[in-house]
N, C-alpha and C. Protein backbone atom coordinates (compact mmCIF):
# COMPACT_ATOMS: atom_id res chain seq x y z
N MET A 1 4.92 -19.76 2.96
CA MET A 1 4.01 -18.72 2.42
C MET A 1 4.24 -18.57 0.86
N ALA A 2 3.31 -18.67 0.13
CA ALA A 2 3.30 -18.61 -1.38
C ALA A 2 3.79 -17.14 -1.90
N HIS A 3 3.38 -16.12 -1.14
CA HIS A 3 3.55 -14.87 -1.66
C HIS A 3 4.00 -13.93 -0.44
N PRO A 4 5.09 -14.16 0.12
CA PRO A 4 5.57 -13.55 1.40
C PRO A 4 5.66 -11.95 1.21
N LEU A 5 6.25 -11.43 0.10
CA LEU A 5 6.39 -10.10 -0.01
C LEU A 5 5.03 -9.30 -0.13
N LEU A 6 4.14 -9.79 -0.95
CA LEU A 6 2.89 -9.25 -1.18
C LEU A 6 1.94 -9.29 0.09
N ILE A 7 1.97 -10.48 0.59
CA ILE A 7 1.07 -10.85 1.80
C ILE A 7 1.63 -10.19 3.08
N ASP A 8 2.82 -10.17 3.34
CA ASP A 8 3.35 -9.82 4.73
C ASP A 8 3.83 -8.37 4.59
N MET A 9 4.24 -7.72 3.50
CA MET A 9 4.93 -6.49 3.55
C MET A 9 4.27 -5.34 2.75
N ALA A 10 3.77 -5.72 1.51
CA ALA A 10 3.28 -4.74 0.55
C ALA A 10 2.19 -3.95 1.09
N ILE A 11 1.40 -4.42 1.92
CA ILE A 11 0.18 -3.73 2.42
C ILE A 11 0.59 -2.25 3.01
N HIS A 12 1.70 -2.19 3.63
CA HIS A 12 2.13 -1.02 4.17
C HIS A 12 2.39 0.12 3.12
N GLN A 13 2.97 -0.25 1.99
CA GLN A 13 3.18 0.60 0.92
C GLN A 13 1.99 0.84 0.14
N PHE A 14 1.03 -0.05 0.11
CA PHE A 14 -0.35 0.08 -0.52
C PHE A 14 -1.11 1.06 0.22
N ASP A 15 -1.11 1.01 1.66
CA ASP A 15 -1.68 2.09 2.44
C ASP A 15 -1.16 3.46 2.20
N VAL A 16 -0.02 3.69 2.05
CA VAL A 16 0.64 4.87 1.76
C VAL A 16 0.17 5.42 0.46
N ALA A 17 0.17 4.57 -0.67
CA ALA A 17 -0.08 4.95 -1.95
C ALA A 17 -1.56 5.50 -1.92
N ARG A 18 -2.39 4.83 -1.23
CA ARG A 18 -3.87 5.28 -1.15
C ARG A 18 -3.94 6.63 -0.63
N ALA A 19 -3.26 6.90 0.55
CA ALA A 19 -3.09 8.12 1.26
C ALA A 19 -2.59 9.31 0.30
N VAL A 20 -1.52 9.07 -0.37
CA VAL A 20 -0.89 9.94 -1.19
C VAL A 20 -1.60 10.14 -2.48
N ILE A 21 -2.21 9.15 -3.12
CA ILE A 21 -2.93 9.56 -4.30
C ILE A 21 -4.35 10.19 -3.95
N GLY A 22 -4.99 9.66 -2.86
CA GLY A 22 -6.18 10.27 -2.43
C GLY A 22 -7.45 9.73 -3.20
N SER A 23 -7.35 8.64 -3.71
CA SER A 23 -8.43 7.92 -4.35
C SER A 23 -8.18 6.38 -4.13
N GLU A 24 -9.11 5.71 -4.71
CA GLU A 24 -9.24 4.27 -4.43
C GLU A 24 -8.72 3.42 -5.57
N PRO A 25 -7.95 2.36 -5.52
CA PRO A 25 -7.53 1.58 -6.52
C PRO A 25 -8.70 0.93 -7.29
N VAL A 26 -8.35 0.68 -8.64
CA VAL A 26 -9.45 0.12 -9.55
C VAL A 26 -8.93 -1.20 -10.00
N SER A 27 -7.73 -1.32 -10.40
CA SER A 27 -7.19 -2.73 -10.91
C SER A 27 -5.83 -2.70 -10.79
N VAL A 28 -5.26 -4.04 -11.00
CA VAL A 28 -3.82 -4.31 -10.88
C VAL A 28 -3.39 -5.22 -11.83
N VAL A 29 -2.18 -5.09 -12.31
CA VAL A 29 -1.49 -6.18 -12.97
C VAL A 29 -0.23 -6.48 -12.23
N CYS A 30 0.07 -7.75 -11.89
CA CYS A 30 1.24 -7.94 -11.08
C CYS A 30 2.00 -9.29 -11.45
N ASP A 31 3.22 -9.18 -11.30
CA ASP A 31 4.11 -10.23 -11.72
C ASP A 31 5.19 -10.50 -10.51
N GLU A 32 5.32 -11.67 -10.26
CA GLU A 32 6.16 -12.12 -9.08
C GLU A 32 7.24 -13.09 -9.58
N ASN A 33 8.40 -13.16 -8.74
CA ASN A 33 9.38 -14.06 -9.06
C ASN A 33 10.06 -14.40 -7.73
N ASN A 34 10.72 -15.58 -7.71
CA ASN A 34 11.44 -15.94 -6.63
C ASN A 34 12.96 -16.29 -7.14
N PRO A 35 13.83 -15.42 -7.02
CA PRO A 35 15.22 -15.66 -7.64
C PRO A 35 15.74 -16.90 -7.13
N SER A 36 16.80 -17.45 -7.70
CA SER A 36 17.47 -18.78 -7.47
C SER A 36 18.22 -18.55 -6.09
N TRP A 37 18.46 -17.32 -5.76
CA TRP A 37 19.29 -17.23 -4.54
C TRP A 37 18.52 -16.92 -3.33
N SER A 38 17.10 -16.83 -3.58
CA SER A 38 16.18 -16.50 -2.39
C SER A 38 16.21 -17.66 -1.42
N TRP A 39 16.01 -17.29 -0.14
CA TRP A 39 15.82 -18.10 0.94
C TRP A 39 14.42 -18.40 1.26
N PHE A 40 13.46 -17.75 0.57
CA PHE A 40 12.03 -17.88 0.73
C PHE A 40 11.44 -19.17 -0.15
N ASP A 41 10.41 -19.75 0.23
CA ASP A 41 9.78 -20.76 -0.55
C ASP A 41 8.93 -20.21 -1.68
N GLY A 42 8.36 -18.96 -1.27
CA GLY A 42 7.42 -18.45 -2.19
C GLY A 42 8.08 -17.13 -2.81
N ALA A 43 7.24 -16.53 -3.71
CA ALA A 43 7.93 -15.39 -4.42
C ALA A 43 8.16 -14.19 -3.54
N ALA A 44 9.42 -13.68 -3.49
CA ALA A 44 9.92 -12.64 -2.63
C ALA A 44 10.22 -11.42 -3.42
N ASP A 45 9.86 -11.37 -4.66
CA ASP A 45 10.24 -10.32 -5.49
C ASP A 45 8.84 -10.00 -6.29
N ALA A 46 8.40 -8.79 -6.35
CA ALA A 46 7.16 -8.53 -7.01
C ALA A 46 7.14 -7.06 -7.71
N HIS A 47 6.42 -6.94 -8.76
CA HIS A 47 6.33 -5.90 -9.43
C HIS A 47 4.73 -5.65 -9.99
N ALA A 48 4.18 -4.71 -9.46
CA ALA A 48 2.74 -4.41 -9.70
C ALA A 48 2.38 -3.04 -10.15
N VAL A 49 1.47 -2.86 -11.18
CA VAL A 49 0.98 -1.53 -11.62
C VAL A 49 -0.53 -1.54 -11.16
N PHE A 50 -0.80 -0.58 -10.34
CA PHE A 50 -2.12 -0.33 -9.85
C PHE A 50 -2.69 0.95 -10.64
N GLU A 51 -3.95 0.75 -11.14
CA GLU A 51 -4.70 1.93 -11.70
C GLU A 51 -5.55 2.47 -10.59
N PHE A 52 -5.65 3.77 -10.50
CA PHE A 52 -6.49 4.45 -9.44
C PHE A 52 -7.61 5.12 -10.05
N ALA A 53 -8.67 5.37 -9.39
CA ALA A 53 -9.76 6.25 -9.72
C ALA A 53 -9.17 7.53 -10.28
N GLY A 54 -9.57 8.10 -11.35
CA GLY A 54 -9.16 9.27 -11.81
C GLY A 54 -7.99 9.15 -12.83
N GLY A 55 -7.47 7.86 -12.91
CA GLY A 55 -6.43 7.48 -13.85
C GLY A 55 -4.95 7.51 -13.36
N ALA A 56 -4.72 7.95 -12.17
CA ALA A 56 -3.39 7.79 -11.55
C ALA A 56 -2.97 6.37 -11.53
N ARG A 57 -1.62 6.22 -11.59
CA ARG A 57 -1.01 4.86 -11.59
C ARG A 57 0.02 4.81 -10.54
N TYR A 58 -0.03 3.76 -9.83
CA TYR A 58 0.97 3.45 -8.80
C TYR A 58 1.79 2.23 -9.12
N VAL A 59 3.19 2.38 -9.32
CA VAL A 59 3.97 1.17 -9.59
C VAL A 59 4.72 0.73 -8.35
N PHE A 60 4.58 -0.42 -7.95
CA PHE A 60 5.17 -1.13 -6.85
C PHE A 60 6.21 -2.06 -7.22
N THR A 61 7.52 -1.93 -6.92
CA THR A 61 8.52 -2.82 -7.10
C THR A 61 9.20 -3.07 -5.77
N GLY A 62 9.13 -4.31 -5.35
CA GLY A 62 9.72 -4.77 -4.08
C GLY A 62 10.46 -6.06 -4.12
N SER A 63 11.40 -6.11 -3.26
CA SER A 63 12.23 -7.47 -3.14
C SER A 63 12.63 -7.57 -1.70
N TRP A 64 12.50 -8.91 -1.19
CA TRP A 64 13.10 -9.23 0.12
C TRP A 64 14.40 -9.94 -0.06
N VAL A 65 14.95 -10.00 -1.28
CA VAL A 65 16.05 -10.93 -1.45
C VAL A 65 17.16 -10.04 -2.18
N ALA A 66 17.00 -8.74 -2.16
CA ALA A 66 18.07 -7.88 -2.72
C ALA A 66 19.40 -8.01 -2.09
N VAL A 67 20.41 -8.43 -2.79
CA VAL A 67 21.72 -8.58 -2.18
C VAL A 67 22.66 -7.43 -2.19
N GLY A 68 22.34 -6.52 -2.98
CA GLY A 68 23.12 -5.23 -3.13
C GLY A 68 22.69 -4.07 -2.29
N ASP A 69 22.24 -3.02 -2.98
CA ASP A 69 21.82 -1.84 -2.23
C ASP A 69 20.47 -2.17 -1.49
N GLN A 70 20.47 -1.92 -0.14
CA GLN A 70 19.35 -2.12 0.61
C GLN A 70 18.43 -0.86 0.76
N THR A 71 17.15 -1.17 0.84
CA THR A 71 16.18 0.02 0.82
C THR A 71 15.70 0.19 2.27
N ALA A 72 15.30 1.14 2.70
CA ALA A 72 14.69 1.42 4.07
C ALA A 72 13.28 0.77 4.07
N TRP A 73 12.95 0.33 5.32
CA TRP A 73 11.75 -0.41 5.47
C TRP A 73 10.48 0.38 4.92
N ASN A 74 10.52 1.68 4.92
CA ASN A 74 9.50 2.49 4.25
C ASN A 74 9.47 2.48 2.85
N GLY A 75 10.48 1.94 2.15
CA GLY A 75 10.75 1.98 0.78
C GLY A 75 11.31 3.36 0.26
N GLU A 76 11.53 3.38 -1.04
CA GLU A 76 11.94 4.67 -1.57
C GLU A 76 10.74 5.08 -2.55
N TRP A 77 10.49 6.31 -2.35
CA TRP A 77 9.28 6.79 -3.21
C TRP A 77 9.67 7.93 -4.37
N ARG A 78 9.00 7.71 -5.28
CA ARG A 78 9.23 8.81 -6.49
C ARG A 78 7.91 9.16 -7.04
N ILE A 79 7.37 10.39 -6.92
CA ILE A 79 6.04 10.88 -7.48
C ILE A 79 6.37 11.86 -8.52
N ASP A 80 5.88 11.52 -9.72
CA ASP A 80 5.86 12.41 -10.84
C ASP A 80 4.59 13.00 -11.09
N GLY A 81 4.61 14.31 -11.45
CA GLY A 81 3.43 15.00 -11.73
C GLY A 81 3.60 16.23 -12.61
N GLU A 82 2.64 16.89 -13.02
CA GLU A 82 2.67 18.06 -13.86
C GLU A 82 3.71 19.20 -13.35
N GLY A 83 3.68 19.21 -11.91
CA GLY A 83 4.73 20.25 -11.47
C GLY A 83 6.01 19.95 -11.04
N GLY A 84 6.36 18.60 -11.39
CA GLY A 84 7.58 18.19 -11.11
C GLY A 84 7.73 16.83 -10.51
N THR A 85 8.76 16.42 -9.86
CA THR A 85 9.05 15.25 -9.20
C THR A 85 9.41 15.43 -7.69
N ILE A 86 8.86 14.52 -6.90
CA ILE A 86 9.39 14.51 -5.53
C ILE A 86 9.92 13.13 -5.26
N ARG A 87 11.07 13.14 -4.48
CA ARG A 87 11.72 11.88 -4.18
C ARG A 87 11.90 11.89 -2.66
N TRP A 88 11.61 10.57 -2.07
CA TRP A 88 11.77 10.34 -0.64
C TRP A 88 12.59 9.10 -0.52
N ASP A 89 13.63 9.21 0.35
CA ASP A 89 14.45 7.90 0.46
C ASP A 89 14.01 7.02 1.43
N GLY A 90 12.70 7.27 2.02
CA GLY A 90 12.15 6.37 3.06
C GLY A 90 12.59 6.71 4.57
N ALA A 91 13.49 7.72 4.59
CA ALA A 91 13.87 7.96 5.95
C ALA A 91 13.85 9.48 6.13
N ASP A 92 14.70 10.34 5.74
CA ASP A 92 14.57 11.65 6.09
C ASP A 92 14.83 12.59 4.74
N ALA A 93 15.36 12.19 3.79
CA ALA A 93 15.62 12.99 2.69
C ALA A 93 14.54 13.08 1.64
N VAL A 94 14.08 14.23 1.48
CA VAL A 94 12.92 14.53 0.48
C VAL A 94 13.56 15.48 -0.51
N SER A 95 13.44 15.44 -1.74
CA SER A 95 13.86 16.37 -2.69
C SER A 95 12.80 16.60 -3.68
N VAL A 96 12.86 17.81 -4.31
CA VAL A 96 11.89 18.19 -5.36
C VAL A 96 12.64 18.76 -6.55
N ILE A 97 12.16 18.34 -7.64
CA ILE A 97 12.84 18.54 -8.97
C ILE A 97 11.61 19.21 -9.79
N ARG A 98 11.96 20.40 -10.10
CA ARG A 98 10.83 21.18 -10.88
C ARG A 98 11.14 21.08 -12.38
N PRO A 99 10.15 21.07 -13.22
CA PRO A 99 10.27 20.93 -14.66
C PRO A 99 11.25 22.06 -15.15
N GLY A 100 12.22 21.60 -16.15
CA GLY A 100 13.14 22.53 -16.60
C GLY A 100 14.15 23.11 -15.80
N SER A 101 14.23 22.79 -14.54
CA SER A 101 15.15 23.31 -13.60
C SER A 101 16.58 22.73 -13.86
N ARG A 102 17.55 23.55 -13.90
CA ARG A 102 18.91 23.17 -14.07
C ARG A 102 19.64 23.16 -12.72
N ASP A 103 18.98 23.66 -11.66
CA ASP A 103 19.60 23.84 -10.30
C ASP A 103 19.58 22.41 -9.63
N ALA A 104 20.35 22.21 -8.59
CA ALA A 104 20.23 21.01 -7.77
C ALA A 104 18.82 20.85 -7.22
N PRO A 105 18.38 19.53 -7.08
CA PRO A 105 17.02 19.38 -6.42
C PRO A 105 16.85 20.12 -5.10
N GLU A 106 15.75 20.77 -4.90
CA GLU A 106 15.38 21.40 -3.71
C GLU A 106 15.15 20.41 -2.64
N ARG A 107 15.90 20.45 -1.54
CA ARG A 107 15.78 19.57 -0.40
C ARG A 107 14.73 20.15 0.57
N ILE A 108 13.83 19.27 1.11
CA ILE A 108 12.87 19.59 2.07
C ILE A 108 13.23 18.79 3.33
N ASP A 109 13.27 19.36 4.51
CA ASP A 109 13.52 18.65 5.61
C ASP A 109 12.11 17.95 6.16
N VAL A 110 12.33 16.77 6.54
CA VAL A 110 11.14 16.09 7.11
C VAL A 110 11.00 16.57 8.59
N PRO A 111 9.74 16.88 9.03
CA PRO A 111 9.73 17.30 10.39
C PRO A 111 10.23 16.33 11.31
N SER A 112 10.77 16.74 12.42
CA SER A 112 11.31 15.86 13.49
C SER A 112 10.53 16.17 14.71
N GLY A 113 10.69 15.28 15.66
CA GLY A 113 9.94 15.42 16.89
C GLY A 113 8.51 14.97 16.89
N VAL A 114 7.97 14.67 15.75
CA VAL A 114 6.61 14.10 15.70
C VAL A 114 6.63 12.60 16.06
N PRO A 115 5.85 12.17 17.09
CA PRO A 115 5.93 10.75 17.41
C PRO A 115 5.59 9.89 16.30
N GLU A 116 6.31 8.88 16.06
CA GLU A 116 6.05 7.92 15.07
C GLU A 116 5.91 6.45 15.68
N GLU A 117 5.63 5.45 14.76
CA GLU A 117 5.48 3.99 15.16
C GLU A 117 4.61 3.85 16.26
N ILE A 118 4.91 3.09 17.37
CA ILE A 118 4.04 2.78 18.42
C ILE A 118 3.59 4.11 19.18
N ALA A 119 4.63 4.96 19.58
CA ALA A 119 4.45 6.24 20.34
C ALA A 119 3.38 7.07 19.59
N GLY A 120 3.65 7.30 18.22
CA GLY A 120 2.59 8.05 17.42
C GLY A 120 1.27 7.51 17.27
N SER A 121 1.21 6.12 17.14
CA SER A 121 -0.15 5.58 17.14
C SER A 121 -0.80 5.68 18.43
N LEU A 122 -0.11 5.47 19.50
CA LEU A 122 -0.81 5.60 20.97
C LEU A 122 -1.18 7.08 21.15
N ARG A 123 -0.38 8.01 20.82
CA ARG A 123 -0.77 9.44 20.86
C ARG A 123 -2.11 9.66 20.12
N GLU A 124 -2.10 9.22 18.89
CA GLU A 124 -3.42 9.56 18.11
C GLU A 124 -4.49 8.78 18.77
N PHE A 125 -4.33 7.56 19.15
CA PHE A 125 -5.47 6.82 19.90
C PHE A 125 -6.01 7.44 21.04
N VAL A 126 -5.09 7.91 21.86
CA VAL A 126 -5.67 8.54 23.07
C VAL A 126 -6.28 9.94 22.76
N ALA A 127 -5.72 10.73 21.80
CA ALA A 127 -6.39 11.99 21.36
C ALA A 127 -7.67 11.77 20.72
N CYS A 128 -7.81 10.58 19.96
CA CYS A 128 -9.18 10.36 19.38
C CYS A 128 -10.26 9.90 20.38
N LEU A 129 -9.69 9.12 21.48
CA LEU A 129 -10.62 8.70 22.50
C LEU A 129 -11.19 10.02 23.24
N ARG A 130 -10.23 10.93 23.50
CA ARG A 130 -10.68 12.14 24.28
C ARG A 130 -11.54 13.07 23.40
N SER A 131 -11.30 13.18 22.20
CA SER A 131 -11.95 14.15 21.40
C SER A 131 -13.28 13.68 20.65
N GLY A 132 -13.23 12.31 20.53
CA GLY A 132 -14.21 11.68 19.70
C GLY A 132 -13.98 11.72 18.16
N ALA A 133 -12.85 12.34 17.78
CA ALA A 133 -12.34 12.33 16.42
C ALA A 133 -12.16 10.95 15.92
N ARG A 134 -12.25 10.80 14.56
CA ARG A 134 -11.92 9.56 13.85
C ARG A 134 -10.52 9.51 13.71
N PRO A 135 -9.89 8.39 13.98
CA PRO A 135 -8.43 8.07 13.77
C PRO A 135 -8.04 8.12 12.30
N GLU A 136 -6.92 8.43 11.94
CA GLU A 136 -6.38 8.65 10.69
C GLU A 136 -6.52 7.11 9.92
N ASN A 137 -6.32 6.11 10.68
CA ASN A 137 -6.18 4.79 10.13
C ASN A 137 -7.26 3.79 10.73
N GLU A 138 -8.59 4.10 10.55
CA GLU A 138 -9.40 3.22 11.10
C GLU A 138 -9.33 1.77 10.25
N ALA A 139 -9.68 0.82 11.11
CA ALA A 139 -9.62 -0.55 10.50
C ALA A 139 -10.47 -0.74 9.28
N ALA A 140 -11.64 -0.18 9.29
CA ALA A 140 -12.57 -0.28 8.06
C ALA A 140 -11.84 0.38 6.78
N LEU A 141 -11.07 1.39 6.99
CA LEU A 141 -10.47 1.97 5.78
C LEU A 141 -9.31 1.02 5.22
N ASN A 142 -8.79 0.17 6.10
CA ASN A 142 -7.76 -0.82 5.66
C ASN A 142 -8.28 -1.90 4.65
N VAL A 143 -9.67 -2.12 4.50
CA VAL A 143 -10.17 -3.05 3.63
C VAL A 143 -9.70 -2.79 2.14
N ALA A 144 -9.58 -1.59 1.71
CA ALA A 144 -9.28 -1.31 0.27
C ALA A 144 -7.63 -1.67 0.21
N SER A 145 -6.89 -1.55 1.22
CA SER A 145 -5.54 -2.04 1.10
C SER A 145 -5.50 -3.53 0.99
N LEU A 146 -6.21 -4.17 1.95
CA LEU A 146 -6.23 -5.59 1.90
C LEU A 146 -6.66 -6.12 0.57
N ALA A 147 -7.65 -5.46 -0.05
CA ALA A 147 -8.15 -5.89 -1.35
C ALA A 147 -7.10 -5.63 -2.45
N MET A 148 -6.26 -4.62 -2.24
CA MET A 148 -5.09 -4.43 -3.13
C MET A 148 -4.13 -5.60 -3.08
N VAL A 149 -3.84 -6.17 -1.93
CA VAL A 149 -2.98 -7.23 -1.65
C VAL A 149 -3.59 -8.49 -2.38
N GLU A 150 -4.96 -8.70 -2.06
CA GLU A 150 -5.49 -9.94 -2.61
C GLU A 150 -5.56 -9.91 -4.21
N ALA A 151 -5.89 -8.70 -4.72
CA ALA A 151 -5.84 -8.56 -6.05
C ALA A 151 -4.55 -8.75 -6.78
N ALA A 152 -3.46 -8.22 -6.10
CA ALA A 152 -2.06 -8.38 -6.66
C ALA A 152 -1.71 -9.87 -6.57
N VAL A 153 -2.03 -10.58 -5.55
CA VAL A 153 -1.91 -12.08 -5.57
C VAL A 153 -2.57 -12.75 -6.72
N ARG A 154 -3.80 -12.43 -6.83
CA ARG A 154 -4.62 -12.97 -7.82
C ARG A 154 -3.91 -12.75 -9.29
N SER A 155 -3.58 -11.43 -9.44
CA SER A 155 -2.97 -11.21 -10.80
C SER A 155 -1.60 -11.94 -11.01
N ALA A 156 -0.85 -12.06 -9.85
CA ALA A 156 0.43 -12.81 -9.89
C ALA A 156 0.03 -14.24 -10.40
N GLU A 157 -0.90 -14.83 -9.73
CA GLU A 157 -1.20 -16.29 -10.03
C GLU A 157 -1.79 -16.53 -11.37
N THR A 158 -2.66 -15.56 -11.97
CA THR A 158 -3.28 -15.76 -13.18
C THR A 158 -2.49 -15.09 -14.33
N GLY A 159 -1.71 -13.98 -14.12
CA GLY A 159 -1.18 -13.33 -15.20
C GLY A 159 -2.03 -12.36 -15.80
N ALA A 160 -3.18 -12.10 -15.21
CA ALA A 160 -4.15 -11.29 -15.77
C ALA A 160 -4.37 -10.01 -14.89
N ARG A 161 -4.92 -8.92 -15.58
CA ARG A 161 -5.37 -7.72 -14.78
C ARG A 161 -6.53 -8.13 -13.95
N VAL A 162 -6.58 -7.61 -12.72
CA VAL A 162 -7.62 -8.01 -11.80
C VAL A 162 -8.45 -6.82 -11.33
N ASP A 163 -9.72 -6.65 -11.31
CA ASP A 163 -10.51 -5.65 -11.02
C ASP A 163 -10.73 -5.76 -9.37
N ILE A 164 -10.29 -4.69 -8.78
CA ILE A 164 -10.39 -4.62 -7.29
C ILE A 164 -11.75 -4.59 -6.77
N ALA A 165 -12.57 -3.94 -7.27
CA ALA A 165 -14.10 -3.99 -6.84
C ALA A 165 -14.61 -5.41 -6.97
N GLU A 166 -14.19 -6.15 -7.83
CA GLU A 166 -14.76 -7.51 -7.93
C GLU A 166 -14.18 -8.39 -6.84
N VAL A 167 -12.92 -8.10 -6.52
CA VAL A 167 -12.35 -8.90 -5.31
C VAL A 167 -12.95 -8.60 -4.06
N ARG A 168 -13.37 -7.28 -3.85
CA ARG A 168 -14.08 -6.93 -2.75
C ARG A 168 -15.54 -7.49 -2.71
N ARG A 169 -16.12 -7.50 -3.89
CA ARG A 169 -17.50 -8.12 -3.94
C ARG A 169 -17.54 -9.52 -3.55
N ALA A 170 -16.46 -10.32 -4.14
CA ALA A 170 -16.52 -11.78 -3.96
C ALA A 170 -16.09 -12.07 -2.44
N ALA A 171 -15.22 -11.30 -1.80
CA ALA A 171 -14.97 -11.46 -0.37
C ALA A 171 -16.13 -11.23 0.48
N LEU A 172 -16.87 -10.20 0.23
CA LEU A 172 -17.99 -9.87 0.98
C LEU A 172 -18.97 -10.96 0.85
N ALA A 173 -19.27 -11.47 -0.30
CA ALA A 173 -20.30 -12.52 -0.56
C ALA A 173 -19.89 -13.79 0.15
N GLU A 174 -18.66 -14.02 0.12
CA GLU A 174 -18.18 -15.17 0.89
C GLU A 174 -18.31 -14.98 2.31
N ALA A 175 -18.06 -13.89 2.92
CA ALA A 175 -18.14 -13.64 4.28
C ALA A 175 -19.60 -13.81 4.83
N ILE A 176 -20.42 -13.26 3.88
CA ILE A 176 -21.87 -13.43 4.16
C ILE A 176 -22.34 -14.76 4.23
N GLU A 177 -21.91 -15.58 3.34
CA GLU A 177 -22.24 -17.06 3.16
C GLU A 177 -21.84 -17.85 4.19
N ILE A 178 -20.57 -17.57 4.87
CA ILE A 178 -20.14 -18.40 5.77
C ILE A 178 -20.49 -17.96 7.22
N GLU A 179 -20.83 -16.75 7.44
CA GLU A 179 -21.10 -16.22 8.64
C GLU A 179 -22.28 -16.85 9.45
N GLU A 180 -22.09 -17.34 10.62
CA GLU A 180 -23.14 -18.07 11.44
C GLU A 180 -23.87 -17.21 12.22
N ASP A 181 -23.32 -16.15 12.75
CA ASP A 181 -24.06 -15.22 13.77
C ASP A 181 -25.06 -14.38 12.92
N PRO A 182 -26.29 -14.41 13.08
CA PRO A 182 -27.23 -13.66 12.36
C PRO A 182 -27.04 -12.12 12.41
N ALA A 183 -26.61 -11.67 13.64
CA ALA A 183 -26.38 -10.22 13.71
C ALA A 183 -25.29 -9.81 12.98
N THR A 184 -24.15 -10.41 13.02
CA THR A 184 -23.01 -10.20 12.18
C THR A 184 -23.29 -10.34 10.65
N ARG A 185 -24.05 -11.34 10.30
CA ARG A 185 -24.42 -11.33 8.93
C ARG A 185 -25.34 -10.18 8.50
N ALA A 186 -26.20 -9.79 9.31
CA ALA A 186 -27.03 -8.63 9.07
C ALA A 186 -26.18 -7.43 8.77
N VAL A 187 -25.29 -7.15 9.63
CA VAL A 187 -24.20 -5.96 9.39
C VAL A 187 -23.62 -6.09 8.05
N LEU A 188 -22.92 -7.34 7.71
CA LEU A 188 -22.31 -7.51 6.48
C LEU A 188 -23.21 -7.33 5.32
N GLU A 189 -24.45 -7.68 5.47
CA GLU A 189 -25.40 -7.45 4.36
C GLU A 189 -25.78 -5.99 4.06
N GLU A 190 -25.34 -5.17 5.05
CA GLU A 190 -25.71 -3.69 4.92
C GLU A 190 -24.65 -3.05 3.99
N TYR A 191 -23.59 -3.84 3.83
CA TYR A 191 -22.42 -3.16 2.81
C TYR A 191 -22.81 -3.35 1.53
């Protein structure tokens, strides 16, 4: 695989970034590397800066070949804003640092007992079937995260900033062009 970290893993962090920021990505600049000690054929180390609607920036740094300090599967998150900084270690430690504070960071306990992973997904799935509510993570919503992955790959390959809306338009045009089923093509053409 040419881009194992971006294609196989980064989408999960991209999903979270979209949820936390609350808007859609506009563009990305991405650089990849495959260190000499890597056991991957493709780039297993990536750094990307996404611009979101409204001006927010999301900086992704990831590596599947770190040989020192290991990061939790969820990653480590730092969110900086006007009201301070929030840090999450990817497991259970959340801290808040307020501007000008000389006190130790305020620790916030992550709720426990809430089903996660498969159990949490199945619980939400059944609840939505019973109530008719829309699930938190509909497949159609994931298209924006897939576009982030594709745009990051294109940026890494070209060294240029990539417009994410253009990636989506090109993918839709290609899907319409190659679709053989008229009913499916008609649905695609409605987008």
